[in-house]
Amino acid sequence: MSVINLKKKLELFNELWTPKIISETNGQLVKLAKLKGEFVWHNHANEDELFYIVKGELLLKFKDREVQLREGDLYVVPKGEDHLPIAEEECWVMLIEPKGTKHTGEVYFEGTVEEKKQDWI
């Protein structure tokens, strides 16, 4: 295992809403993604999803509240909770979630990415 610099890894790609796997630990995948705009309402029925903001800001909308995340913030979306990520400007995030977690839960739309297609960088 070598040291991973999150910002340097994030500079290697430009795709939005397409997580890239950078590491795996104890059945959890560590992913990086660039986000901009509004995603889609979804949930992960059986998995929590950790968001760590590397750069920028991210708004997580829930049915009953909103959570604003800024650079350096970390938040865990509990399993089964519907959420809608929104980034007004480009936001760089690190995600940690169990291997096999579906990108958009059971919701499929043109932006859904299959885990097997997520690139390791």
N, C-alpha and C. Protein backbone atom coordinates (compact mmCIF):
# COMPACT_ATOMS: atom_id res chain seq x y z
N MET A 1 0.85 -1.18 0.00
CA MET A 1 0.00 0.00 0.00
C MET A 1 0.88 1.23 0.00
N SER A 2 0.51 2.20 -0.81
CA SER A 2 1.26 3.44 -0.84
C SER A 2 0.35 4.60 -0.41
N VAL A 3 0.97 5.72 -0.15
CA VAL A 3 0.24 6.92 0.25
C VAL A 3 -0.61 7.39 -0.93
N ILE A 4 -1.84 7.79 -0.64
CA ILE A 4 -2.74 8.30 -1.67
C ILE A 4 -3.04 9.76 -1.35
N ASN A 5 -2.76 10.65 -2.30
CA ASN A 5 -3.08 12.05 -2.15
C ASN A 5 -4.42 12.28 -2.86
N LEU A 6 -5.46 12.59 -2.09
CA LEU A 6 -6.80 12.72 -2.64
C LEU A 6 -6.89 13.78 -3.74
N LYS A 7 -6.31 14.94 -3.51
CA LYS A 7 -6.39 16.01 -4.51
C LYS A 7 -5.69 15.63 -5.80
N LYS A 8 -4.53 14.98 -5.71
CA LYS A 8 -3.82 14.56 -6.92
C LYS A 8 -4.63 13.52 -7.69
N LYS A 9 -5.25 12.60 -6.98
CA LYS A 9 -6.09 11.59 -7.64
C LYS A 9 -7.29 12.25 -8.32
N LEU A 10 -7.90 13.24 -7.65
CA LEU A 10 -9.05 13.92 -8.23
C LEU A 10 -8.69 14.73 -9.47
N GLU A 11 -7.45 15.13 -9.58
CA GLU A 11 -7.01 15.87 -10.77
C GLU A 11 -6.85 14.96 -11.99
N LEU A 12 -6.93 13.65 -11.81
CA LEU A 12 -6.72 12.70 -12.91
C LEU A 12 -7.95 12.46 -13.78
N PHE A 13 -9.12 12.96 -13.36
CA PHE A 13 -10.32 12.73 -14.17
C PHE A 13 -11.25 13.94 -14.11
N ASN A 14 -12.18 13.99 -15.09
CA ASN A 14 -13.10 15.12 -15.18
C ASN A 14 -14.57 14.71 -15.15
N GLU A 15 -14.87 13.43 -15.27
CA GLU A 15 -16.26 12.98 -15.30
C GLU A 15 -16.97 13.38 -14.01
N LEU A 16 -18.22 13.76 -14.16
CA LEU A 16 -19.04 14.11 -13.01
C LEU A 16 -19.93 12.94 -12.61
N TRP A 17 -20.17 12.80 -11.31
CA TRP A 17 -21.08 11.79 -10.76
C TRP A 17 -20.66 10.37 -11.13
N THR A 18 -19.37 10.16 -11.35
CA THR A 18 -18.85 8.85 -11.73
C THR A 18 -17.72 8.48 -10.78
N PRO A 19 -18.05 7.84 -9.65
CA PRO A 19 -17.03 7.52 -8.65
C PRO A 19 -15.90 6.65 -9.18
N LYS A 20 -14.70 6.94 -8.72
CA LYS A 20 -13.51 6.17 -9.06
C LYS A 20 -12.99 5.52 -7.78
N ILE A 21 -12.72 4.26 -7.82
CA ILE A 21 -12.26 3.52 -6.65
C ILE A 21 -10.76 3.77 -6.46
N ILE A 22 -10.38 4.14 -5.23
CA ILE A 22 -8.95 4.36 -4.95
C ILE A 22 -8.39 3.36 -3.96
N SER A 23 -9.28 2.68 -3.22
CA SER A 23 -8.79 1.73 -2.22
C SER A 23 -9.94 0.84 -1.75
N GLU A 24 -9.57 -0.22 -1.09
CA GLU A 24 -10.55 -1.12 -0.50
C GLU A 24 -10.04 -1.54 0.88
N THR A 25 -10.94 -1.57 1.85
CA THR A 25 -10.55 -1.97 3.19
C THR A 25 -11.72 -2.66 3.88
N ASN A 26 -11.51 -3.88 4.33
CA ASN A 26 -12.52 -4.62 5.08
C ASN A 26 -13.89 -4.64 4.40
N GLY A 27 -13.91 -4.84 3.09
CA GLY A 27 -15.17 -4.90 2.36
C GLY A 27 -15.78 -3.55 2.04
N GLN A 28 -15.07 -2.48 2.37
CA GLN A 28 -15.52 -1.12 2.06
C GLN A 28 -14.69 -0.57 0.90
N LEU A 29 -15.36 0.08 -0.03
CA LEU A 29 -14.65 0.75 -1.12
C LEU A 29 -14.50 2.23 -0.79
N VAL A 30 -13.31 2.75 -1.04
CA VAL A 30 -13.04 4.17 -0.90
C VAL A 30 -13.04 4.73 -2.31
N LYS A 31 -13.91 5.72 -2.55
CA LYS A 31 -14.10 6.25 -3.90
C LYS A 31 -13.94 7.76 -3.90
N LEU A 32 -13.56 8.29 -5.04
CA LEU A 32 -13.51 9.73 -5.26
C LEU A 32 -14.47 10.08 -6.39
N ALA A 33 -15.11 11.24 -6.27
CA ALA A 33 -16.02 11.68 -7.32
C ALA A 33 -16.03 13.20 -7.39
N LYS A 34 -16.33 13.67 -8.58
CA LYS A 34 -16.56 15.10 -8.79
C LYS A 34 -18.06 15.26 -9.04
N LEU A 35 -18.66 16.22 -8.35
CA LEU A 35 -20.09 16.42 -8.44
C LEU A 35 -20.39 17.86 -8.86
N LYS A 36 -21.39 18.03 -9.68
CA LYS A 36 -21.86 19.37 -10.04
C LYS A 36 -23.29 19.25 -10.54
N GLY A 37 -24.14 20.11 -10.03
CA GLY A 37 -25.54 20.09 -10.39
C GLY A 37 -26.34 19.24 -9.42
N GLU A 38 -27.52 18.83 -9.87
CA GLU A 38 -28.42 18.03 -9.04
C GLU A 38 -28.36 16.59 -9.50
N PHE A 39 -28.31 15.65 -8.57
CA PHE A 39 -28.24 14.23 -8.90
C PHE A 39 -29.65 13.66 -9.02
N VAL A 40 -29.99 12.66 -8.26
CA VAL A 40 -31.31 12.04 -8.30
C VAL A 40 -31.66 11.57 -6.89
N TRP A 41 -32.93 11.66 -6.53
CA TRP A 41 -33.37 11.12 -5.25
C TRP A 41 -33.13 9.63 -5.24
N HIS A 42 -32.50 9.13 -4.19
CA HIS A 42 -32.25 7.69 -4.09
C HIS A 42 -31.92 7.33 -2.65
N ASN A 43 -31.82 6.05 -2.37
CA ASN A 43 -31.35 5.58 -1.08
C ASN A 43 -30.60 4.28 -1.28
N HIS A 44 -29.92 3.87 -0.26
CA HIS A 44 -29.22 2.59 -0.24
C HIS A 44 -29.85 1.80 0.90
N ALA A 45 -30.70 0.85 0.55
CA ALA A 45 -31.54 0.17 1.53
C ALA A 45 -30.76 -0.50 2.65
N ASN A 46 -29.58 -1.03 2.33
CA ASN A 46 -28.84 -1.82 3.31
C ASN A 46 -27.46 -1.27 3.66
N GLU A 47 -27.10 -0.12 3.12
CA GLU A 47 -25.74 0.40 3.32
C GLU A 47 -25.76 1.87 3.72
N ASP A 48 -24.93 2.22 4.71
CA ASP A 48 -24.66 3.62 5.01
C ASP A 48 -23.73 4.15 3.92
N GLU A 49 -23.71 5.47 3.72
CA GLU A 49 -22.83 6.08 2.73
C GLU A 49 -22.13 7.28 3.37
N LEU A 50 -20.80 7.23 3.42
CA LEU A 50 -20.02 8.29 4.01
C LEU A 50 -19.57 9.28 2.94
N PHE A 51 -19.82 10.55 3.18
CA PHE A 51 -19.36 11.64 2.32
C PHE A 51 -18.31 12.45 3.08
N TYR A 52 -17.15 12.66 2.46
CA TYR A 52 -16.14 13.56 2.99
C TYR A 52 -15.86 14.59 1.90
N ILE A 53 -15.99 15.87 2.22
CA ILE A 53 -15.83 16.93 1.22
C ILE A 53 -14.36 17.34 1.16
N VAL A 54 -13.74 17.05 0.02
CA VAL A 54 -12.34 17.39 -0.21
C VAL A 54 -12.22 18.85 -0.65
N LYS A 55 -13.16 19.28 -1.52
CA LYS A 55 -13.13 20.64 -2.06
C LYS A 55 -14.55 21.04 -2.44
N GLY A 56 -14.92 22.25 -2.12
CA GLY A 56 -16.24 22.75 -2.51
C GLY A 56 -17.29 22.54 -1.44
N GLU A 57 -18.55 22.55 -1.88
CA GLU A 57 -19.69 22.40 -0.98
C GLU A 57 -20.71 21.46 -1.59
N LEU A 58 -21.43 20.76 -0.73
CA LEU A 58 -22.45 19.82 -1.16
C LEU A 58 -23.66 19.97 -0.26
N LEU A 59 -24.83 20.09 -0.86
CA LEU A 59 -26.08 20.10 -0.11
C LEU A 59 -26.70 18.71 -0.24
N LEU A 60 -27.03 18.12 0.89
CA LEU A 60 -27.76 16.85 0.90
C LEU A 60 -29.18 17.15 1.35
N LYS A 61 -30.14 16.95 0.45
CA LYS A 61 -31.54 17.13 0.80
C LYS A 61 -32.10 15.79 1.25
N PHE A 62 -32.89 15.84 2.30
CA PHE A 62 -33.61 14.69 2.80
C PHE A 62 -35.09 15.05 2.80
N LYS A 63 -35.94 14.10 3.00
CA LYS A 63 -37.38 14.37 2.98
C LYS A 63 -37.78 15.36 4.07
N ASP A 64 -37.06 15.38 5.19
CA ASP A 64 -37.45 16.22 6.31
C ASP A 64 -36.43 17.27 6.72
N ARG A 65 -35.30 17.38 5.97
CA ARG A 65 -34.28 18.33 6.36
C ARG A 65 -33.25 18.49 5.23
N GLU A 66 -32.31 19.41 5.45
CA GLU A 66 -31.18 19.60 4.54
C GLU A 66 -29.91 19.65 5.37
N VAL A 67 -28.81 19.13 4.81
CA VAL A 67 -27.51 19.18 5.46
C VAL A 67 -26.52 19.81 4.48
N GLN A 68 -25.92 20.93 4.88
CA GLN A 68 -24.93 21.62 4.06
C GLN A 68 -23.54 21.17 4.47
N LEU A 69 -22.77 20.66 3.53
CA LEU A 69 -21.41 20.20 3.81
C LEU A 69 -20.42 21.10 3.10
N ARG A 70 -19.35 21.44 3.81
CA ARG A 70 -18.29 22.28 3.26
C ARG A 70 -16.96 21.53 3.32
N GLU A 71 -15.97 22.08 2.67
CA GLU A 71 -14.64 21.46 2.64
C GLU A 71 -14.21 21.03 4.04
N GLY A 72 -13.80 19.77 4.15
CA GLY A 72 -13.35 19.23 5.43
C GLY A 72 -14.45 18.55 6.23
N ASP A 73 -15.72 18.71 5.81
CA ASP A 73 -16.83 18.10 6.53
C ASP A 73 -17.02 16.64 6.12
N LEU A 74 -17.52 15.87 7.07
CA LEU A 74 -17.82 14.45 6.86
C LEU A 74 -19.24 14.21 7.35
N TYR A 75 -20.00 13.41 6.59
CA TYR A 75 -21.37 13.10 6.98
C TYR A 75 -21.70 11.69 6.51
N VAL A 76 -22.41 10.94 7.34
CA VAL A 76 -22.84 9.60 6.98
C VAL A 76 -24.34 9.60 6.77
N VAL A 77 -24.76 9.23 5.56
CA VAL A 77 -26.18 9.07 5.26
C VAL A 77 -26.56 7.66 5.71
N PRO A 78 -27.50 7.55 6.65
CA PRO A 78 -27.89 6.22 7.14
C PRO A 78 -28.58 5.39 6.06
N LYS A 79 -28.40 4.09 6.14
CA LYS A 79 -29.02 3.20 5.18
C LYS A 79 -30.53 3.44 5.15
N GLY A 80 -31.09 3.33 3.95
CA GLY A 80 -32.52 3.46 3.77
C GLY A 80 -33.06 4.87 3.72
N GLU A 81 -32.20 5.88 3.92
CA GLU A 81 -32.69 7.26 3.94
C GLU A 81 -32.60 7.90 2.55
N ASP A 82 -33.76 8.32 2.02
CA ASP A 82 -33.78 9.00 0.73
C ASP A 82 -32.98 10.29 0.82
N HIS A 83 -32.13 10.52 -0.18
CA HIS A 83 -31.34 11.74 -0.20
C HIS A 83 -31.11 12.20 -1.64
N LEU A 84 -30.89 13.51 -1.77
CA LEU A 84 -30.65 14.14 -3.06
C LEU A 84 -29.43 15.03 -2.93
N PRO A 85 -28.28 14.61 -3.51
CA PRO A 85 -27.08 15.46 -3.48
C PRO A 85 -27.16 16.57 -4.53
N ILE A 86 -26.77 17.78 -4.12
CA ILE A 86 -26.77 18.93 -5.03
C ILE A 86 -25.47 19.72 -4.81
N ALA A 87 -24.77 20.00 -5.89
CA ALA A 87 -23.54 20.81 -5.83
C ALA A 87 -23.71 21.96 -6.81
N GLU A 88 -23.86 23.17 -6.29
CA GLU A 88 -24.02 24.35 -7.15
C GLU A 88 -22.78 24.55 -8.04
N GLU A 89 -21.61 24.39 -7.45
CA GLU A 89 -20.33 24.46 -8.16
C GLU A 89 -19.67 23.09 -8.03
N GLU A 90 -18.63 22.85 -8.82
CA GLU A 90 -17.97 21.55 -8.75
C GLU A 90 -17.49 21.26 -7.32
N CYS A 91 -17.79 20.07 -6.87
CA CYS A 91 -17.43 19.62 -5.52
C CYS A 91 -16.68 18.31 -5.64
N TRP A 92 -15.60 18.17 -4.89
CA TRP A 92 -14.81 16.94 -4.88
C TRP A 92 -15.11 16.20 -3.59
N VAL A 93 -15.48 14.94 -3.70
CA VAL A 93 -15.84 14.16 -2.52
C VAL A 93 -15.13 12.82 -2.48
N MET A 94 -14.94 12.34 -1.25
CA MET A 94 -14.52 10.97 -1.02
C MET A 94 -15.73 10.26 -0.43
N LEU A 95 -16.02 9.09 -0.96
CA LEU A 95 -17.13 8.27 -0.49
C LEU A 95 -16.57 6.98 0.07
N ILE A 96 -17.17 6.50 1.13
CA ILE A 96 -16.81 5.18 1.66
C ILE A 96 -18.12 4.43 1.83
N GLU A 97 -18.20 3.28 1.19
CA GLU A 97 -19.41 2.47 1.25
C GLU A 97 -19.06 1.01 0.99
N PRO A 98 -19.91 0.08 1.45
CA PRO A 98 -19.61 -1.33 1.25
C PRO A 98 -19.51 -1.70 -0.23
N LYS A 99 -18.62 -2.61 -0.53
CA LYS A 99 -18.50 -3.14 -1.87
C LYS A 99 -19.87 -3.70 -2.27
N GLY A 100 -20.29 -3.42 -3.48
CA GLY A 100 -21.58 -3.89 -3.96
C GLY A 100 -22.69 -2.89 -3.80
N THR A 101 -22.42 -1.73 -3.15
CA THR A 101 -23.44 -0.70 -3.01
C THR A 101 -23.78 -0.15 -4.39
N LYS A 102 -25.06 -0.14 -4.71
CA LYS A 102 -25.49 0.38 -6.01
C LYS A 102 -25.41 1.91 -6.00
N HIS A 103 -24.87 2.46 -7.07
CA HIS A 103 -24.62 3.89 -7.23
C HIS A 103 -25.85 4.73 -6.87
N THR A 104 -27.01 4.34 -7.36
CA THR A 104 -28.24 5.08 -7.10
C THR A 104 -29.29 4.19 -6.45
N GLY A 105 -28.84 3.23 -5.65
CA GLY A 105 -29.78 2.33 -4.99
C GLY A 105 -30.59 1.57 -6.02
N GLU A 106 -31.90 1.53 -5.84
CA GLU A 106 -32.78 0.84 -6.78
C GLU A 106 -33.34 1.78 -7.85
N VAL A 107 -32.89 3.04 -7.85
CA VAL A 107 -33.32 4.02 -8.85
C VAL A 107 -32.33 3.96 -10.01
N TYR A 108 -32.85 3.81 -11.21
CA TYR A 108 -31.99 3.80 -12.39
C TYR A 108 -32.36 4.98 -13.28
N PHE A 109 -31.35 5.73 -13.70
CA PHE A 109 -31.52 6.81 -14.66
C PHE A 109 -30.25 6.90 -15.48
N GLU A 110 -30.21 7.81 -16.44
CA GLU A 110 -29.07 7.86 -17.37
C GLU A 110 -27.73 8.06 -16.69
N GLY A 111 -27.71 8.57 -15.47
CA GLY A 111 -26.45 8.79 -14.76
C GLY A 111 -26.01 7.66 -13.86
N THR A 112 -26.80 6.57 -13.79
CA THR A 112 -26.44 5.45 -12.93
C THR A 112 -25.18 4.76 -13.46
N VAL A 113 -24.24 4.48 -12.56
CA VAL A 113 -22.98 3.82 -12.91
C VAL A 113 -22.94 2.47 -12.20
N GLU A 114 -22.69 1.41 -12.96
CA GLU A 114 -22.53 0.09 -12.36
C GLU A 114 -21.17 0.01 -11.71
N GLU A 115 -21.08 -0.61 -10.51
CA GLU A 115 -19.83 -0.68 -9.78
C GLU A 115 -18.72 -1.33 -10.62
N LYS A 116 -19.04 -2.36 -11.37
CA LYS A 116 -18.01 -3.04 -12.15
C LYS A 116 -17.38 -2.13 -13.20
N LYS A 117 -18.10 -1.05 -13.57
CA LYS A 117 -17.58 -0.12 -14.55
C LYS A 117 -16.82 1.04 -13.91
N GLN A 118 -16.87 1.13 -12.59
CA GLN A 118 -16.15 2.19 -11.91
C GLN A 118 -14.66 1.89 -11.99
N ASP A 119 -13.93 2.84 -12.47
CA ASP A 119 -12.49 2.66 -12.67
C ASP A 119 -11.72 2.78 -11.36
N TRP A 120 -10.67 2.00 -11.25
CA TRP A 120 -9.67 2.19 -10.20
C TRP A 120 -8.70 3.24 -10.72
N ILE A 121 -8.34 4.19 -9.89
CA ILE A 121 -7.34 5.17 -10.31
C ILE A 121 -6.22 5.20 -9.27
